[in-house]
Amino acid sequence: MPRLEYVSVDRSNNLADYRMDITDLHLESESFDCLLCVHVLEHVSDDLQALREMRRILKPGAWAIIGVPIDHSRRITLEDPLATSDADRLKLFGQADHVRVYGNDAAQRFEYAGFEVTEVDYFEQLSAVEQVKYGVIGGEEIFHCKRVQ
């Protein structure tokens, strides 16, 4: 897109522009207009710190799109720091590299980090072709998180 500057960050992928931990971003405060973080936080031990870092680098009034898998049968997010083996994590969280299963409290967790949160059902707003093109899966919430001043 013209006039769009895109910066990618990943902890371990050499294809990213920057290799950083999302809980300790070496990026200037209040320097980004928007941020996209999809299917990352369920892998991060301290998701609240990651959310604080995302908020810190966003300009006042800027926004983030955050997507996490949610188990709607859970009222609150399931975490267990003692689950360190792949087998334990697979059993508890459904995937060996996950450290939590978000429950229906996901939006409140994002709000606690200083975001104004709106759940958006992008799946219903997209055509079938766009759903495939953008990898948007039905039943997965995407959160529009505006940085509160």
C-alpha atoms as a PDB file:
ATOM      1  CA  MET A   1       0.000   0.000   0.000  1.00  0.00           C
ATOM      2  CA  PRO A   2       1.331   3.449  -0.795  1.00  0.00           C
ATOM      3  CA  ARG A   3       2.633   5.486   2.141  1.00  0.00           C
ATOM      4  CA  LEU A   4       2.368   2.507   4.459  1.00  0.00           C
ATOM      5  CA  GLU A   5       5.419   1.617   6.476  1.00  0.00           C
ATOM      6  CA  TYR A   6       5.299  -1.953   7.768  1.00  0.00           C
ATOM      7  CA  VAL A   7       7.557  -3.321  10.492  1.00  0.00           C
ATOM      8  CA  SER A   8       7.562  -6.994  11.473  1.00  0.00           C
ATOM      9  CA  VAL A   9       8.753  -8.328  14.820  1.00  0.00           C
ATOM     10  CA  ASP A  10       9.296 -11.934  15.848  1.00  0.00           C
ATOM     11  CA  ARG A  11      11.282 -13.526  18.619  1.00  0.00           C
ATOM     12  CA  SER A  12      12.828 -16.256  16.502  1.00  0.00           C
ATOM     13  CA  ASN A  13      11.962 -15.826  12.814  1.00  0.00           C
ATOM     14  CA  ASN A  14      14.900 -14.521  10.769  1.00  0.00           C
ATOM     15  CA  LEU A  15      12.503 -13.179   8.132  1.00  0.00           C
ATOM     16  CA  ALA A  16      11.167 -10.530  10.536  1.00  0.00           C
ATOM     17  CA  ASP A  17      12.517  -6.983  10.365  1.00  0.00           C
ATOM     18  CA  TYR A  18      13.382  -7.163  14.065  1.00  0.00           C
ATOM     19  CA  ARG A  19      14.008 -10.107  16.384  1.00  0.00           C
ATOM     20  CA  MET A  20      12.570  -9.148  19.769  1.00  0.00           C
ATOM     21  CA  ASP A  21      10.570 -10.550  22.635  1.00  0.00           C
ATOM     22  CA  ILE A  22       7.071  -9.047  22.684  1.00  0.00           C
ATOM     23  CA  THR A  23       7.383  -8.527  26.443  1.00  0.00           C
ATOM     24  CA  ASP A  24      10.443  -6.305  25.940  1.00  0.00           C
ATOM     25  CA  LEU A  25      10.128  -4.373  22.680  1.00  0.00           C
ATOM     26  CA  HIS A  26      13.098  -2.176  21.884  1.00  0.00           C
ATOM     27  CA  LEU A  27      10.935   0.257  19.949  1.00  0.00           C
ATOM     28  CA  GLU A  28      10.227   3.905  20.625  1.00  0.00           C
ATOM     29  CA  SER A  29       7.248   4.697  22.834  1.00  0.00           C
ATOM     30  CA  GLU A  30       4.189   6.165  21.114  1.00  0.00           C
ATOM     31  CA  SER A  31       5.624   5.571  17.645  1.00  0.00           C
ATOM     32  CA  PHE A  32       3.064   3.329  15.902  1.00  0.00           C
ATOM     33  CA  ASP A  33      -0.379   4.104  14.469  1.00  0.00           C
ATOM     34  CA  CYS A  34      -1.556   0.510  14.519  1.00  0.00           C
ATOM     35  CA  LEU A  35      -0.422  -2.961  15.464  1.00  0.00           C
ATOM     36  CA  LEU A  36      -1.455  -6.465  14.434  1.00  0.00           C
ATOM     37  CA  CYS A  37      -0.983  -9.337  16.899  1.00  0.00           C
ATOM     38  CA  VAL A  38      -2.781 -12.538  15.925  1.00  0.00           C
ATOM     39  CA  HIS A  39      -2.238 -15.940  17.544  1.00  0.00           C
ATOM     40  CA  VAL A  40       0.765 -14.780  19.553  1.00  0.00           C
ATOM     41  CA  LEU A  41      -0.359 -14.106  23.124  1.00  0.00           C
ATOM     42  CA  GLU A  42      -1.347 -17.706  23.845  1.00  0.00           C
ATOM     43  CA  HIS A  43       2.364 -18.541  23.402  1.00  0.00           C
ATOM     44  CA  VAL A  44       3.709 -15.783  25.699  1.00  0.00           C
ATOM     45  CA  SER A  45       4.314 -16.509  29.380  1.00  0.00           C
ATOM     46  CA  ASP A  46       3.483 -12.953  30.520  1.00  0.00           C
ATOM     47  CA  ASP A  47       0.699 -11.786  28.232  1.00  0.00           C
ATOM     48  CA  LEU A  48      -0.072  -8.770  30.435  1.00  0.00           C
ATOM     49  CA  GLN A  49       3.488  -7.492  29.987  1.00  0.00           C
ATOM     50  CA  ALA A  50       3.202  -8.088  26.234  1.00  0.00           C
ATOM     51  CA  LEU A  51      -0.037  -6.085  26.170  1.00  0.00           C
ATOM     52  CA  ARG A  52       1.598  -3.266  28.156  1.00  0.00           C
ATOM     53  CA  GLU A  53       4.465  -3.181  25.660  1.00  0.00           C
ATOM     54  CA  MET A  54       2.041  -3.060  22.737  1.00  0.00           C
ATOM     55  CA  ARG A  55       0.175  -0.202  24.394  1.00  0.00           C
ATOM     56  CA  ARG A  56       3.442   1.626  25.108  1.00  0.00           C
ATOM     57  CA  ILE A  57       4.574   1.685  21.466  1.00  0.00           C
ATOM     58  CA  LEU A  58       1.174   2.812  20.155  1.00  0.00           C
ATOM     59  CA  LYS A  59       0.482   6.510  19.754  1.00  0.00           C
ATOM     60  CA  PRO A  60      -2.371   7.948  21.840  1.00  0.00           C
ATOM     61  CA  GLY A  61      -5.616   7.037  20.083  1.00  0.00           C
ATOM     62  CA  ALA A  62      -3.896   4.363  17.979  1.00  0.00           C
ATOM     63  CA  TRP A  63      -5.218   0.817  17.837  1.00  0.00           C
ATOM     64  CA  ALA A  64      -4.248  -2.828  17.789  1.00  0.00           C
ATOM     65  CA  ILE A  65      -5.957  -5.807  16.237  1.00  0.00           C
ATOM     66  CA  ILE A  66      -5.496  -8.746  18.604  1.00  0.00           C
ATOM     67  CA  GLY A  67      -6.620 -12.278  17.908  1.00  0.00           C
ATOM     68  CA  VAL A  68      -6.412 -15.175  20.341  1.00  0.00           C
ATOM     69  CA  PRO A  69      -8.130 -18.556  20.394  1.00  0.00           C
ATOM     70  CA  ILE A  70     -10.933 -18.611  22.963  1.00  0.00           C
ATOM     71  CA  ASP A  71     -12.677 -21.501  24.682  1.00  0.00           C
ATOM     72  CA  HIS A  72     -16.163 -20.097  25.316  1.00  0.00           C
ATOM     73  CA  SER A  73     -16.928 -22.858  27.771  1.00  0.00           C
ATOM     74  CA  ARG A  74     -14.443 -21.172  30.133  1.00  0.00           C
ATOM     75  CA  ARG A  75     -15.496 -18.162  32.161  1.00  0.00           C
ATOM     76  CA  ILE A  76     -11.868 -17.272  32.875  1.00  0.00           C
ATOM     77  CA  THR A  77      -8.584 -17.928  31.128  1.00  0.00           C
ATOM     78  CA  LEU A  78      -6.806 -21.143  32.082  1.00  0.00           C
ATOM     79  CA  GLU A  79      -3.129 -20.791  32.956  1.00  0.00           C
ATOM     80  CA  ASP A  80      -0.778 -23.087  34.836  1.00  0.00           C
ATOM     81  CA  PRO A  81       2.883 -22.022  35.148  1.00  0.00           C
ATOM     82  CA  LEU A  82       3.710 -25.526  36.387  1.00  0.00           C
ATOM     83  CA  ALA A  83       2.735 -26.985  33.007  1.00  0.00           C
ATOM     84  CA  THR A  84       6.169 -26.883  31.380  1.00  0.00           C
ATOM     85  CA  SER A  85       6.380 -30.100  29.396  1.00  0.00           C
ATOM     86  CA  ASP A  86       4.937 -30.472  25.912  1.00  0.00           C
ATOM     87  CA  ALA A  87       2.704 -33.286  27.199  1.00  0.00           C
ATOM     88  CA  ASP A  88       1.329 -31.145  30.048  1.00  0.00           C
ATOM     89  CA  ARG A  89       0.674 -28.188  27.771  1.00  0.00           C
ATOM     90  CA  LEU A  90      -0.936 -30.367  25.117  1.00  0.00           C
ATOM     91  CA  LYS A  91      -3.247 -31.862  27.732  1.00  0.00           C
ATOM     92  CA  LEU A  92      -4.168 -28.544  29.382  1.00  0.00           C
ATOM     93  CA  PHE A  93      -4.096 -26.066  26.518  1.00  0.00           C
ATOM     94  CA  GLY A  94      -4.635 -28.245  23.442  1.00  0.00           C
ATOM     95  CA  GLN A  95      -1.289 -27.369  21.907  1.00  0.00           C
ATOM     96  CA  ALA A  96       2.246 -28.078  23.150  1.00  0.00           C
ATOM     97  CA  ASP A  97       3.483 -24.531  22.547  1.00  0.00           C
ATOM     98  CA  HIS A  98       0.548 -22.766  24.244  1.00  0.00           C
ATOM     99  CA  VAL A  99       0.797 -21.481  27.811  1.00  0.00           C
ATOM    100  CA  ARG A 100      -2.885 -20.636  28.282  1.00  0.00           C
ATOM    101  CA  VAL A 101      -6.381 -21.086  26.937  1.00  0.00           C
ATOM    102  CA  TYR A 102      -8.258 -17.800  26.880  1.00  0.00           C
ATOM    103  CA  GLY A 103     -11.737 -17.801  28.301  1.00  0.00           C
ATOM    104  CA  ASN A 104     -14.586 -15.319  28.052  1.00  0.00           C
ATOM    105  CA  ASP A 105     -12.512 -12.844  30.105  1.00  0.00           C
ATOM    106  CA  ALA A 106     -10.091 -12.118  27.225  1.00  0.00           C
ATOM    107  CA  ALA A 107     -11.468  -8.633  26.543  1.00  0.00           C
ATOM    108  CA  GLN A 108     -11.207  -7.746  30.240  1.00  0.00           C
ATOM    109  CA  ARG A 109      -7.552  -8.818  30.235  1.00  0.00           C
ATOM    110  CA  PHE A 110      -6.872  -6.442  27.335  1.00  0.00           C
ATOM    111  CA  GLU A 111      -8.783  -3.654  29.082  1.00  0.00           C
ATOM    112  CA  TYR A 112      -6.698  -4.185  32.217  1.00  0.00           C
ATOM    113  CA  ALA A 113      -3.615  -3.399  30.116  1.00  0.00           C
ATOM    114  CA  GLY A 114      -5.084  -0.012  29.137  1.00  0.00           C
ATOM    115  CA  PHE A 115      -7.076  -0.706  25.982  1.00  0.00           C
ATOM    116  CA  GLU A 116     -10.632   0.181  25.058  1.00  0.00           C
ATOM    117  CA  VAL A 117     -11.822  -3.108  23.546  1.00  0.00           C
ATOM    118  CA  THR A 118     -14.405  -3.918  20.905  1.00  0.00           C
ATOM    119  CA  GLU A 119     -15.005  -7.477  19.731  1.00  0.00           C
ATOM    120  CA  VAL A 120     -15.424  -7.630  15.968  1.00  0.00           C
ATOM    121  CA  ASP A 121     -16.763 -10.535  13.939  1.00  0.00           C
ATOM    122  CA  TYR A 122     -14.707  -9.925  10.803  1.00  0.00           C
ATOM    123  CA  PHE A 123     -15.644 -13.373   9.473  1.00  0.00           C
ATOM    124  CA  GLU A 124     -19.253 -12.311   8.926  1.00  0.00           C
ATOM    125  CA  GLN A 125     -18.139  -9.087   7.211  1.00  0.00           C
ATOM    126  CA  LEU A 126     -15.964 -10.807   4.610  1.00  0.00           C
ATOM    127  CA  SER A 127     -16.846 -12.712   1.470  1.00  0.00           C
ATOM    128  CA  ALA A 128     -15.883 -16.389   1.269  1.00  0.00           C
ATOM    129  CA  VAL A 129     -12.935 -15.461  -0.964  1.00  0.00           C
ATOM    130  CA  GLU A 130     -11.739 -12.817   1.517  1.00  0.00           C
ATOM    131  CA  GLN A 131     -12.106 -15.240   4.433  1.00  0.00           C
ATOM    132  CA  VAL A 132      -9.690 -17.628   2.731  1.00  0.00           C
ATOM    133  CA  LYS A 133      -7.383 -14.861   1.479  1.00  0.00           C
ATOM    134  CA  TYR A 134      -6.979 -13.308   4.942  1.00  0.00           C
ATOM    135  CA  GLY A 135      -7.106 -16.561   6.911  1.00  0.00           C
ATOM    136  CA  VAL A 136     -10.063 -15.435   9.018  1.00  0.00           C
ATOM    137  CA  ILE A 137     -11.790 -18.390  10.665  1.00  0.00           C
ATOM    138  CA  GLY A 138     -15.424 -18.371  11.753  1.00  0.00           C
ATOM    139  CA  GLY A 139     -16.004 -18.437  15.495  1.00  0.00           C
ATOM    140  CA  GLU A 140     -12.713 -16.714  16.320  1.00  0.00           C
ATOM    141  CA  GLU A 141     -13.063 -13.300  17.873  1.00  0.00           C
ATOM    142  CA  ILE A 142     -10.818 -10.512  16.795  1.00  0.00           C
ATOM    143  CA  PHE A 143     -10.432  -7.632  19.207  1.00  0.00           C
ATOM    144  CA  HIS A 144     -10.092  -4.008  18.136  1.00  0.00           C
ATOM    145  CA  CYS A 145      -8.089  -2.483  20.995  1.00  0.00           C
ATOM    146  CA  LYS A 146      -7.764   1.292  21.103  1.00  0.00           C
ATOM    147  CA  ARG A 147      -5.066   2.805  23.265  1.00  0.00           C
ATOM    148  CA  VAL A 148      -6.711   4.728  26.065  1.00  0.00           C
ATOM    149  CA  GLN A 149      -4.879   7.967  26.796  1.00  0.00           C
END
